[in-house]
C-alpha atoms as a PDB file:
ATOM      1  CA  MET A   1      79.930 -55.358  -2.082  1.00  0.00           C
ATOM      2  CA  ALA A   2      78.914 -51.980  -3.433  1.00  0.00           C
ATOM      3  CA  PRO A   3      79.506 -48.956  -1.189  1.00  0.00           C
ATOM      4  CA  ILE A   4      76.457 -47.438   0.537  1.00  0.00           C
ATOM      5  CA  SER A   5      75.662 -43.913  -0.707  1.00  0.00           C
ATOM      6  CA  MET A   6      75.204 -41.275   1.989  1.00  0.00           C
ATOM      7  CA  THR A   7      72.368 -38.710   1.990  1.00  0.00           C
ATOM      8  CA  PRO A   8      73.247 -34.990   2.074  1.00  0.00           C
ATOM      9  CA  ALA A   9      72.062 -34.766   5.689  1.00  0.00           C
ATOM     10  CA  ALA A  10      74.259 -37.629   6.672  1.00  0.00           C
ATOM     11  CA  ALA A  11      77.135 -36.163   4.742  1.00  0.00           C
ATOM     12  CA  GLY A  12      76.812 -32.843   6.595  1.00  0.00           C
ATOM     13  CA  THR A  13      75.529 -30.850   3.625  1.00  0.00           C
ATOM     14  CA  PRO A  14      72.941 -28.116   4.692  1.00  0.00           C
ATOM     15  CA  LEU A  15      69.420 -28.554   3.326  1.00  0.00           C
ATOM     16  CA  ARG A  16      67.828 -25.823   1.189  1.00  0.00           C
ATOM     17  CA  ALA A  17      64.567 -24.222   2.382  1.00  0.00           C
ATOM     18  CA  ARG A  18      61.411 -25.530   0.817  1.00  0.00           C
ATOM     19  CA  ARG A  19      59.687 -23.398  -1.770  1.00  0.00           C
ATOM     20  CA  PHE A  20      56.276 -23.288  -0.042  1.00  0.00           C
ATOM     21  CA  ALA A  21      57.862 -21.882   3.112  1.00  0.00           C
ATOM     22  CA  LYS A  22      58.680 -18.634   1.319  1.00  0.00           C
ATOM     23  CA  GLY A  23      55.136 -18.413  -0.015  1.00  0.00           C
ATOM     24  CA  ARG A  24      53.687 -18.882   3.471  1.00  0.00           C
ATOM     25  CA  LEU A  25      55.910 -16.149   4.832  1.00  0.00           C
ATOM     26  CA  PHE A  26      54.778 -13.821   2.042  1.00  0.00           C
ATOM     27  CA  LEU A  27      51.099 -14.462   2.828  1.00  0.00           C
ATOM     28  CA  ILE A  28      51.629 -13.781   6.535  1.00  0.00           C
ATOM     29  CA  LEU A  29      53.398 -10.480   5.815  1.00  0.00           C
ATOM     30  CA  SER A  30      50.683  -9.433   3.330  1.00  0.00           C
ATOM     31  CA  ALA A  31      47.921 -10.155   5.842  1.00  0.00           C
ATOM     32  CA  ALA A  32      49.724  -8.146   8.526  1.00  0.00           C
ATOM     33  CA  ALA A  33      50.166  -5.195   6.154  1.00  0.00           C
ATOM     34  CA  LEU A  34      46.496  -5.307   5.136  1.00  0.00           C
ATOM     35  CA  ALA A  35      45.382  -5.393   8.771  1.00  0.00           C
ATOM     36  CA  ALA A  36      47.562  -2.393   9.572  1.00  0.00           C
ATOM     37  CA  LEU A  37      46.178  -0.497   6.585  1.00  0.00           C
ATOM     38  CA  LEU A  38      42.578  -1.200   7.565  1.00  0.00           C
ATOM     39  CA  THR A  39      43.296  -0.141  11.155  1.00  0.00           C
ATOM     40  CA  ASN A  40      44.699   3.191   9.990  1.00  0.00           C
ATOM     41  CA  VAL A  41      41.747   3.776   7.673  1.00  0.00           C
ATOM     42  CA  CYS A  42      39.206   3.065  10.407  1.00  0.00           C
ATOM     43  CA  CYS A  43      41.035   5.288  12.910  1.00  0.00           C
ATOM     44  CA  PHE A  44      41.731   8.346  10.763  1.00  0.00           C
ATOM     45  CA  ALA A  45      39.151   8.291   7.972  1.00  0.00           C
ATOM     46  CA  LYS A  46      35.860  10.110   8.472  1.00  0.00           C
ATOM     47  CA  VAL A  47      33.109   7.549   8.404  1.00  0.00           C
ATOM     48  CA  ARG A  48      29.762   9.069   7.432  1.00  0.00           C
ATOM     49  CA  VAL A  49      26.884   7.551   9.344  1.00  0.00           C
ATOM     50  CA  LYS A  50      23.393   8.445   8.198  1.00  0.00           C
ATOM     51  CA  PRO A  51      21.362   9.881  11.066  1.00  0.00           C
ATOM     52  CA  PHE A  52      18.135   8.187  12.110  1.00  0.00           C
ATOM     53  CA  LYS A  53      15.331   9.452   9.917  1.00  0.00           C
ATOM     54  CA  LYS A  54      12.456  10.553  12.080  1.00  0.00           C
ATOM     55  CA  PRO A  55       8.916  10.013  10.793  1.00  0.00           C
ATOM     56  CA  ARG A  56       7.435  12.983   9.054  1.00  0.00           C
ATOM     57  CA  ILE A  57       4.883  14.667  11.285  1.00  0.00           C
ATOM     58  CA  ARG A  58       2.264  16.802   9.611  1.00  0.00           C
ATOM     59  CA  PRO A  59       1.289  19.795  11.732  1.00  0.00           C
ATOM     60  CA  GLY A  60      -2.317  20.177  12.734  1.00  0.00           C
ATOM     61  CA  MET A  61      -5.184  17.724  12.619  1.00  0.00           C
ATOM     62  CA  LEU A  62      -6.341  16.080   9.407  1.00  0.00           C
ATOM     63  CA  PRO A  63      -9.588  17.439   7.935  1.00  0.00           C
ATOM     64  CA  GLU A  64     -12.759  15.531   8.729  1.00  0.00           C
ATOM     65  CA  PRO A  65     -15.418  14.792   6.081  1.00  0.00           C
ATOM     66  CA  THR A  66     -18.452  17.057   5.999  1.00  0.00           C
ATOM     67  CA  PHE A  67     -20.669  14.452   4.298  1.00  0.00           C
ATOM     68  CA  ARG A  68     -22.067  11.419   6.083  1.00  0.00           C
ATOM     69  CA  ILE A  69     -23.218   8.031   4.902  1.00  0.00           C
ATOM     70  CA  GLY A  70     -26.856   8.302   3.813  1.00  0.00           C
ATOM     71  CA  ASP A  71     -26.638  11.860   2.447  1.00  0.00           C
ATOM     72  CA  VAL A  72     -28.271  12.503  -0.890  1.00  0.00           C
ATOM     73  CA  VAL A  73     -25.897  14.561  -3.018  1.00  0.00           C
ATOM     74  CA  ARG A  74     -25.594  16.035  -6.492  1.00  0.00           C
ATOM     75  CA  LEU A  75     -22.429  16.253  -8.577  1.00  0.00           C
ATOM     76  CA  LYS A  76     -21.956  19.940  -9.371  1.00  0.00           C
ATOM     77  CA  VAL A  77     -19.336  19.617 -12.125  1.00  0.00           C
ATOM     78  CA  PRO A  78     -18.045  16.824 -14.377  1.00  0.00           C
ATOM     79  CA  ALA A  79     -15.545  14.625 -12.524  1.00  0.00           C
ATOM     80  CA  GLN A  80     -13.054  12.031 -13.666  1.00  0.00           C
ATOM     81  CA  LEU A  81     -13.821   8.379 -12.998  1.00  0.00           C
ATOM     82  CA  SER A  82     -11.233   5.970 -11.638  1.00  0.00           C
ATOM     83  CA  ASN A  83      -9.598   3.096 -13.522  1.00  0.00           C
ATOM     84  CA  ASP A  84     -10.386   4.301 -17.059  1.00  0.00           C
ATOM     85  CA  GLY A  85     -14.069   4.737 -16.289  1.00  0.00           C
ATOM     86  CA  ARG A  86     -14.550   1.457 -14.392  1.00  0.00           C
ATOM     87  CA  GLY A  87     -14.979   3.128 -11.024  1.00  0.00           C
ATOM     88  CA  TYR A  88     -13.222   2.831  -7.703  1.00  0.00           C
ATOM     89  CA  TYR A  89     -13.437  -0.979  -7.573  1.00  0.00           C
ATOM     90  CA  ASN A  90     -12.319  -1.434 -11.207  1.00  0.00           C
ATOM     91  CA  GLU A  91     -15.578  -3.132 -12.153  1.00  0.00           C
ATOM     92  CA  GLY A  92     -15.383  -5.478 -15.108  1.00  0.00           C
ATOM     93  CA  ALA A  93     -11.612  -5.271 -15.551  1.00  0.00           C
ATOM     94  CA  ALA A  94     -11.198  -9.062 -15.188  1.00  0.00           C
ATOM     95  CA  THR A  95      -7.664  -8.647 -13.871  1.00  0.00           C
ATOM     96  CA  ASP A  96      -7.630 -12.252 -12.631  1.00  0.00           C
ATOM     97  CA  VAL A  97      -8.352 -13.683 -16.112  1.00  0.00           C
ATOM     98  CA  PRO A  98      -5.196 -14.734 -18.032  1.00  0.00           C
ATOM     99  CA  ASP A  99      -4.451 -12.945 -21.303  1.00  0.00           C
ATOM    100  CA  HIS A 100      -4.795 -16.052 -23.462  1.00  0.00           C
ATOM    101  CA  GLN A 101      -8.447 -16.349 -22.390  1.00  0.00           C
ATOM    102  CA  ARG A 102      -9.306 -12.747 -23.253  1.00  0.00           C
ATOM    103  CA  ASP A 103      -9.774 -10.756 -26.433  1.00  0.00           C
ATOM    104  CA  LEU A 104      -7.303  -7.965 -25.676  1.00  0.00           C
ATOM    105  CA  ARG A 105      -8.110  -6.058 -28.867  1.00  0.00           C
ATOM    106  CA  ALA A 106     -11.808  -5.968 -28.025  1.00  0.00           C
ATOM    107  CA  ASP A 107     -10.964  -4.937 -24.456  1.00  0.00           C
ATOM    108  CA  ARG A 108      -8.918  -1.987 -25.732  1.00  0.00           C
ATOM    109  CA  LYS A 109     -11.742  -0.870 -28.006  1.00  0.00           C
ATOM    110  CA  ARG A 110     -14.256  -1.002 -25.168  1.00  0.00           C
ATOM    111  CA  THR A 111     -11.852   0.936 -22.943  1.00  0.00           C
ATOM    112  CA  GLU A 112     -11.517   3.649 -25.588  1.00  0.00           C
ATOM    113  CA  ARG A 113     -15.313   3.962 -25.932  1.00  0.00           C
ATOM    114  CA  ARG A 114     -15.986   3.899 -22.198  1.00  0.00           C
ATOM    115  CA  ARG A 115     -16.918   7.148 -20.464  1.00  0.00           C
ATOM    116  CA  LYS A 116     -14.042   8.528 -18.464  1.00  0.00           C
ATOM    117  CA  PHE A 117     -16.025  11.309 -16.725  1.00  0.00           C
ATOM    118  CA  ALA A 118     -19.260  11.548 -14.762  1.00  0.00           C
ATOM    119  CA  GLU A 119     -21.523  14.321 -15.994  1.00  0.00           C
ATOM    120  CA  GLY A 120     -22.436  17.178 -13.686  1.00  0.00           C
ATOM    121  CA  GLY A 121     -25.955  17.108 -12.265  1.00  0.00           C
ATOM    122  CA  LEU A 122     -26.013  13.403 -11.408  1.00  0.00           C
ATOM    123  CA  GLU A 123     -27.695  12.579  -8.113  1.00  0.00           C
ATOM    124  CA  GLY A 124     -26.847   9.747  -5.761  1.00  0.00           C
ATOM    125  CA  GLN A 125     -26.293   8.659  -2.188  1.00  0.00           C
ATOM    126  CA  VAL A 126     -23.174   8.655  -0.080  1.00  0.00           C
ATOM    127  CA  VAL A 127     -22.300   5.033   0.704  1.00  0.00           C
ATOM    128  CA  GLY A 128     -18.781   5.445   2.062  1.00  0.00           C
ATOM    129  CA  VAL A 129     -16.034   7.847   3.074  1.00  0.00           C
ATOM    130  CA  ILE A 130     -12.264   7.642   2.631  1.00  0.00           C
ATOM    131  CA  LYS A 131     -10.882   9.644   5.525  1.00  0.00           C
ATOM    132  CA  ALA A 132      -7.756  11.751   5.255  1.00  0.00           C
ATOM    133  CA  ALA A 133      -5.950   9.274   7.497  1.00  0.00           C
ATOM    134  CA  HIS A 134      -6.579   6.583   4.838  1.00  0.00           C
ATOM    135  CA  TRP A 135      -5.158   8.694   2.018  1.00  0.00           C
ATOM    136  CA  GLU A 136      -3.236   5.698   0.635  1.00  0.00           C
ATOM    137  CA  ASN A 137      -6.559   4.158  -0.476  1.00  0.00           C
ATOM    138  CA  ARG A 138      -7.307   6.985  -2.913  1.00  0.00           C
ATOM    139  CA  PRO A 139      -7.483   6.405  -6.696  1.00  0.00           C
ATOM    140  CA  ASN A 140      -4.329   7.021  -8.703  1.00  0.00           C
ATOM    141  CA  HIS A 141      -5.611  10.142 -10.473  1.00  0.00           C
ATOM    142  CA  ILE A 142      -6.217  12.060  -7.229  1.00  0.00           C
ATOM    143  CA  LYS A 143      -3.144  13.949  -6.025  1.00  0.00           C
ATOM    144  CA  GLY A 144      -2.281  16.625  -3.470  1.00  0.00           C
ATOM    145  CA  ASN A 145      -2.596  16.953   0.281  1.00  0.00           C
ATOM    146  CA  ARG A 146      -4.466  14.557   2.491  1.00  0.00           C
ATOM    147  CA  ARG A 147      -8.194  15.220   2.463  1.00  0.00           C
ATOM    148  CA  PRO A 148     -11.399  13.167   2.754  1.00  0.00           C
ATOM    149  CA  LEU A 149     -12.997  11.656  -0.342  1.00  0.00           C
ATOM    150  CA  ILE A 150     -16.680  10.806  -0.655  1.00  0.00           C
ATOM    151  CA  MET A 151     -17.912   7.556  -2.217  1.00  0.00           C
ATOM    152  CA  VAL A 152     -21.161   8.042  -4.117  1.00  0.00           C
ATOM    153  CA  ASN A 153     -23.570   5.559  -5.682  1.00  0.00           C
ATOM    154  CA  PHE A 154     -25.466   7.425  -8.405  1.00  0.00           C
ATOM    155  CA  GLU A 155     -29.018   6.692  -9.477  1.00  0.00           C
ATOM    156  CA  ASN A 156     -27.792   6.255 -13.043  1.00  0.00           C
ATOM    157  CA  ASP A 157     -26.736   2.599 -13.176  1.00  0.00           C
ATOM    158  CA  ARG A 158     -24.358   3.307 -16.066  1.00  0.00           C
ATOM    159  CA  VAL A 159     -22.079   5.289 -13.738  1.00  0.00           C
ATOM    160  CA  PRO A 160     -19.941   3.024 -11.530  1.00  0.00           C
ATOM    161  CA  LEU A 161     -19.383   3.474  -7.824  1.00  0.00           C
ATOM    162  CA  ASP A 162     -16.572   5.983  -7.293  1.00  0.00           C
ATOM    163  CA  VAL A 163     -15.099   8.584  -4.945  1.00  0.00           C
ATOM    164  CA  PHE A 164     -15.236  12.343  -5.483  1.00  0.00           C
ATOM    165  CA  GLU A 165     -13.966  15.548  -3.965  1.00  0.00           C
ATOM    166  CA  GLU A 166     -16.136  17.232  -1.354  1.00  0.00           C
ATOM    167  CA  ASN A 167     -16.033  20.512  -3.286  1.00  0.00           C
ATOM    168  CA  ASP A 168     -17.605  18.782  -6.300  1.00  0.00           C
ATOM    169  CA  LEU A 169     -20.661  17.601  -4.349  1.00  0.00           C
ATOM    170  CA  GLU A 170     -23.791  19.413  -3.216  1.00  0.00           C
ATOM    171  CA  LEU A 171     -25.934  18.232  -0.300  1.00  0.00           C
ATOM    172  CA  LEU A 172     -29.623  17.682  -1.143  1.00  0.00           C
ATOM    173  CA  ASP A 173     -31.046  15.702   1.769  1.00  0.00           C
ATOM    174  CA  ARG A 174     -29.717  14.433   5.104  1.00  0.00           C
ATOM    175  CA  THR A 175     -32.775  12.664   6.508  1.00  0.00           C
ATOM    176  CA  LEU A 176     -31.336   9.157   6.340  1.00  0.00           C
ATOM    177  CA  ALA A 177     -27.960  10.279   7.695  1.00  0.00           C
ATOM    178  CA  ASP A 178     -29.637  11.890  10.719  1.00  0.00           C
ATOM    179  CA  GLU A 179     -31.691   8.745  11.295  1.00  0.00           C
ATOM    180  CA  ARG A 180     -28.551   6.620  11.237  1.00  0.00           C
ATOM    181  CA  LYS A 181     -26.939   8.993  13.726  1.00  0.00           C
ATOM    182  CA  LYS A 182     -29.845   8.554  16.146  1.00  0.00           C
ATOM    183  CA  MET A 183     -29.675   4.779  15.774  1.00  0.00           C
ATOM    184  CA  GLU A 184     -25.951   4.846  16.483  1.00  0.00           C
ATOM    185  CA  LYS A 185     -26.462   6.832  19.685  1.00  0.00           C
ATOM    186  CA  ALA A 186     -29.135   4.358  20.736  1.00  0.00           C
ATOM    187  CA  GLY A 187     -26.705   1.459  20.281  1.00  0.00           C
ATOM    188  CA  LYS A 188     -28.410   0.042  17.183  1.00  0.00           C
ATOM    189  CA  PHE A 189     -26.582  -1.720  14.392  1.00  0.00           C
ATOM    190  CA  ILE A 190     -25.975   0.617  11.420  1.00  0.00           C
ATOM    191  CA  SER A 191     -23.243  -1.149   9.461  1.00  0.00           C
ATOM    192  CA  TYR A 192     -23.623  -3.084   6.205  1.00  0.00           C
ATOM    193  CA  TRP A 193     -26.674  -5.233   5.648  1.00  0.00           C
ATOM    194  CA  LYS A 194     -26.669  -8.622   7.297  1.00  0.00           C
ATOM    195  CA  GLU A 195     -29.236 -11.385   7.070  1.00  0.00           C
ATOM    196  CA  GLY A 196     -31.591 -11.258  10.015  1.00  0.00           C
ATOM    197  CA  VAL A 197     -30.889  -7.624  10.928  1.00  0.00           C
ATOM    198  CA  THR A 198     -33.869  -5.480  11.953  1.00  0.00           C
ATOM    199  CA  PRO A 199     -34.142  -1.865  13.148  1.00  0.00           C
ATOM    200  CA  ASP A 200     -34.144  -3.243  16.705  1.00  0.00           C
ATOM    201  CA  THR A 201     -30.870  -5.132  16.322  1.00  0.00           C
ATOM    202  CA  THR A 202     -28.338  -3.802  18.800  1.00  0.00           C
ATOM    203  CA  TRP A 203     -25.513  -6.288  18.999  1.00  0.00           C
ATOM    204  CA  TRP A 204     -23.949  -9.256  17.268  1.00  0.00           C
ATOM    205  CA  ASP A 205     -24.016 -12.657  18.885  1.00  0.00           C
ATOM    206  CA  TYR A 206     -20.872 -14.394  17.581  1.00  0.00           C
ATOM    207  CA  THR A 207     -22.141 -17.822  18.690  1.00  0.00           C
ATOM    208  CA  GLY A 208     -25.456 -17.862  16.873  1.00  0.00           C
ATOM    209  CA  GLY A 209     -26.794 -14.781  15.161  1.00  0.00           C
ATOM    210  CA  TRP A 210     -28.458 -11.457  15.697  1.00  0.00           C
ATOM    211  CA  GLY A 211     -30.538 -10.609  18.716  1.00  0.00           C
ATOM    212  CA  LYS A 212     -31.901  -7.892  20.946  1.00  0.00           C
ATOM    213  CA  SER A 213     -30.070  -6.667  24.006  1.00  0.00           C
ATOM    214  CA  GLU A 214     -31.783  -7.456  27.288  1.00  0.00           C
END
Protein backbone atom coordinates (compact mmCIF):
# COMPACT_ATOMS: atom_id res chain seq x y z
CA MET A 1 0.00 0.00 0.00
CA ALA A 2 1.42 3.34 -1.04
CA PRO A 3 2.14 5.87 1.72
CA ILE A 4 -0.29 8.78 2.10
CA SER A 5 1.31 12.15 1.28
CA MET A 6 0.85 14.88 3.89
CA THR A 7 -0.11 18.48 3.05
CA PRO A 8 2.19 21.32 4.19
CA ALA A 9 -0.35 22.35 6.84
CA ALA A 10 -0.47 18.86 8.19
CA ALA A 11 3.28 18.62 8.08
CA GLY A 12 3.64 21.82 10.14
CA THR A 13 5.02 23.96 7.32
CA PRO A 14 3.80 27.67 7.55
CA LEU A 15 1.62 28.87 4.68
CA ARG A 16 2.70 31.87 2.57
CA ALA A 17 0.40 34.92 2.41
CA ARG A 18 -1.80 35.18 -0.63
CA ARG A 19 -0.87 37.68 -3.29
CA PHE A 20 -4.22 39.54 -3.32
CA ALA A 21 -3.92 40.24 0.40
CA LYS A 22 -0.97 42.55 -0.22
CA GLY A 23 -2.88 44.35 -2.96
CA ARG A 24 -5.86 44.89 -0.66
CA LEU A 25 -3.62 46.31 2.02
CA PHE A 26 -2.07 48.69 -0.51
CA LEU A 27 -5.49 49.95 -1.62
CA ILE A 28 -6.58 50.56 1.98
CA LEU A 29 -3.42 52.55 2.74
CA SER A 30 -3.78 54.58 -0.48
CA ALA A 31 -7.39 55.46 0.32
CA ALA A 32 -6.43 56.55 3.84
CA ALA A 33 -3.61 58.74 2.50
CA LEU A 34 -5.92 60.33 -0.08
CA ALA A 35 -8.56 61.06 2.56
CA ALA A 36 -5.95 62.69 4.79
CA LEU A 37 -4.69 64.80 1.89
CA LEU A 38 -8.18 65.98 0.98
CA THR A 39 -8.90 66.82 4.62
CA ASN A 40 -5.78 68.98 4.84
CA VAL A 41 -6.60 70.74 1.57
CA CYS A 42 -10.15 71.54 2.67
CA CYS A 43 -8.99 72.79 6.08
CA PHE A 44 -6.05 74.97 5.07
CA ALA A 45 -6.65 75.95 1.45
CA LYS A 46 -8.54 79.16 0.71
CA VAL A 47 -11.72 78.24 -1.06
CA ARG A 48 -13.07 81.10 -3.17
CA VAL A 49 -16.84 81.29 -3.08
CA LYS A 50 -18.50 83.67 -5.52
CA PRO A 51 -20.76 86.11 -3.69
CA PHE A 52 -24.45 86.25 -4.55
CA LYS A 53 -24.92 88.54 -7.52
CA LYS A 54 -27.62 91.04 -6.75
CA PRO A 55 -29.89 92.18 -9.58
CA ARG A 56 -28.82 95.36 -11.25
CA ILE A 57 -31.05 98.22 -10.17
CA ARG A 58 -31.24 101.22 -12.44
CA PRO A 59 -31.64 104.46 -10.51
CA GLY A 60 -34.66 106.60 -11.21
CA MET A 61 -37.86 105.82 -13.06
CA LEU A 62 -37.91 104.70 -16.68
CA PRO A 63 -39.02 107.34 -19.20
CA GLU A 64 -42.64 107.25 -20.29
CA PRO A 65 -43.69 107.69 -23.95
CA THR A 66 -44.90 111.12 -25.00
CA PHE A 67 -46.91 109.78 -27.96
CA ARG A 68 -50.19 107.93 -27.58
CA ILE A 69 -52.01 105.44 -29.73
CA GLY A 70 -54.09 107.34 -32.29
CA ASP A 71 -51.66 110.25 -32.75
CA VAL A 72 -50.98 111.35 -36.30
CA VAL A 73 -47.24 111.85 -36.70
CA ARG A 74 -44.66 112.74 -39.33
CA LEU A 75 -41.18 111.26 -39.67
CA LYS A 76 -38.78 114.19 -39.49
CA VAL A 77 -35.63 112.45 -40.75
CA PRO A 78 -34.83 109.23 -42.62
CA ALA A 79 -34.85 106.24 -40.26
CA GLN A 80 -33.60 102.69 -40.58
CA LEU A 81 -36.15 99.92 -40.99
CA SER A 82 -35.96 96.67 -39.05
CA ASN A 83 -35.12 93.23 -40.46
CA ASP A 84 -33.46 94.41 -43.69
CA GLY A 85 -36.39 96.61 -44.62
CA ARG A 86 -39.15 94.11 -43.77
CA GLY A 87 -40.35 96.03 -40.73
CA TYR A 88 -40.77 95.17 -37.09
CA TYR A 89 -42.72 91.95 -37.75
CA ASN A 90 -40.33 90.75 -40.49
CA GLU A 91 -43.08 90.76 -43.10
CA GLY A 92 -42.56 88.40 -46.00
CA ALA A 93 -39.43 86.74 -44.63
CA ALA A 94 -41.01 83.25 -44.80
CA THR A 95 -38.81 82.01 -41.96
CA ASP A 96 -41.02 78.94 -41.51
CA VAL A 97 -40.52 77.78 -45.13
CA PRO A 98 -37.70 75.20 -45.55
CA ASP A 99 -34.75 76.17 -47.74
CA HIS A 100 -35.37 73.46 -50.33
CA GLN A 101 -38.76 75.03 -51.12
CA ARG A 102 -37.35 78.53 -51.62
CA ASP A 103 -35.26 80.26 -54.25
CA LEU A 104 -32.52 81.57 -51.97
CA ARG A 105 -30.72 83.39 -54.78
CA ALA A 106 -33.85 85.31 -55.72
CA ASP A 107 -34.48 86.06 -52.04
CA ARG A 108 -31.00 87.57 -51.70
CA LYS A 109 -31.51 89.73 -54.77
CA ARG A 110 -34.83 91.03 -53.47
CA THR A 111 -33.23 91.74 -50.08
CA GLU A 112 -30.47 93.75 -51.76
CA ARG A 113 -33.01 95.82 -53.73
CA ARG A 114 -35.35 96.37 -50.80
CA ARG A 115 -35.41 99.78 -49.13
CA LYS A 116 -33.60 99.75 -45.83
CA PHE A 117 -34.68 103.26 -44.73
CA ALA A 118 -37.94 105.17 -44.45
CA GLU A 119 -37.79 108.59 -46.06
CA GLY A 120 -38.30 111.69 -43.96
CA GLY A 121 -41.65 113.43 -44.34
CA LEU A 122 -43.79 110.28 -44.28
CA GLU A 123 -47.01 110.61 -42.32
CA GLY A 124 -48.80 107.90 -40.38
CA GLN A 125 -50.60 106.94 -37.21
CA VAL A 126 -49.29 105.59 -33.95
CA VAL A 127 -50.65 102.07 -33.51
CA GLY A 128 -48.48 100.84 -30.64
CA VAL A 129 -45.83 101.69 -28.08
CA ILE A 130 -42.88 99.67 -26.78
CA LYS A 131 -42.34 100.97 -23.27
CA ALA A 132 -38.92 101.29 -21.71
CA ALA A 133 -39.77 98.42 -19.37
CA HIS A 134 -40.17 96.18 -22.45
CA TRP A 135 -36.79 97.14 -23.89
CA GLU A 136 -36.03 93.49 -24.75
CA ASN A 137 -38.68 93.66 -27.51
CA ARG A 138 -36.78 96.31 -29.47
CA PRO A 139 -35.35 95.61 -32.95
CA ASN A 140 -31.73 94.49 -33.16
CA HIS A 141 -30.43 97.70 -34.73
CA ILE A 142 -31.58 99.91 -31.84
CA LYS A 143 -29.01 100.17 -29.05
CA GLY A 144 -28.39 102.29 -25.95
CA ASN A 145 -30.29 103.00 -22.77
CA ARG A 146 -33.85 101.96 -22.12
CA ARG A 147 -36.33 104.33 -23.73
CA PRO A 148 -39.80 104.10 -25.30
CA LEU A 149 -40.18 103.31 -29.00
CA ILE A 150 -43.17 104.32 -31.10
CA MET A 151 -44.81 101.95 -33.60
CA VAL A 152 -46.10 103.80 -36.66
CA ASN A 153 -48.27 102.67 -39.56
CA PHE A 154 -47.53 105.01 -42.47
CA GLU A 155 -50.00 106.00 -45.15
CA ASN A 156 -47.56 104.76 -47.78
CA ASP A 157 -48.36 101.05 -48.07
CA ARG A 158 -44.85 100.32 -49.37
CA VAL A 159 -43.38 101.13 -45.95
CA PRO A 160 -43.87 98.28 -43.45
CA LEU A 161 -45.04 98.68 -39.89
CA ASP A 162 -42.06 99.56 -37.70
CA VAL A 163 -40.92 101.30 -34.52
CA PHE A 164 -39.06 104.61 -34.38
CA GLU A 165 -37.39 106.92 -31.91
CA GLU A 166 -39.52 109.62 -30.32
CA ASN A 167 -37.03 112.30 -31.38
CA ASP A 168 -37.53 111.32 -35.03
CA LEU A 169 -41.30 111.90 -34.94
CA GLU A 170 -43.37 115.07 -35.05
CA LEU A 171 -46.92 115.28 -33.70
CA LEU A 172 -49.53 116.50 -36.21
CA ASP A 173 -52.90 115.67 -34.68
CA ARG A 174 -54.09 114.17 -31.39
CA THR A 175 -57.86 114.19 -31.87
CA LEU A 176 -58.28 110.42 -31.98
CA ALA A 177 -55.90 109.88 -29.06
CA ASP A 178 -57.90 112.32 -26.91
CA GLU A 179 -61.14 110.60 -27.90
CA ARG A 180 -59.72 107.23 -26.89
CA LYS A 181 -58.64 108.71 -23.57
CA LYS A 182 -62.19 109.90 -22.86
CA MET A 183 -63.59 106.49 -23.78
CA GLU A 184 -61.11 104.81 -21.45
CA LYS A 185 -62.14 107.03 -18.54
CA ALA A 186 -65.77 106.23 -19.28
CA GLY A 187 -65.04 102.49 -19.08
CA LYS A 188 -65.46 101.84 -22.81
CA PHE A 189 -63.54 99.22 -24.72
CA ILE A 190 -60.59 100.76 -26.62
CA SER A 191 -58.39 97.76 -27.40
CA TYR A 192 -57.97 96.01 -30.75
CA TRP A 193 -60.96 95.55 -33.01
CA LYS A 194 -63.29 92.71 -32.17
CA GLU A 195 -66.35 91.51 -34.03
CA GLY A 196 -69.48 92.97 -32.52
CA VAL A 197 -67.76 95.87 -30.76
CA THR A 198 -69.51 99.25 -30.84
CA PRO A 199 -68.66 102.63 -29.28
CA ASP A 200 -71.01 101.69 -26.43
CA THR A 201 -69.23 98.44 -25.60
CA THR A 202 -67.93 98.57 -22.05
CA TRP A 203 -67.03 95.05 -21.03
CA TRP A 204 -66.36 91.58 -22.35
CA ASP A 205 -68.73 88.76 -21.57
CA TYR A 206 -66.53 85.64 -21.59
CA THR A 207 -69.57 83.33 -21.81
CA GLY A 208 -71.19 84.75 -24.91
CA GLY A 209 -69.97 87.96 -26.47
CA TRP A 210 -69.98 91.71 -26.17
CA GLY A 211 -72.61 93.67 -24.34
CA LYS A 212 -73.48 96.86 -22.53
CA SER A 213 -73.04 97.28 -18.81
CA GLU A 214 -76.27 97.65 -16.87
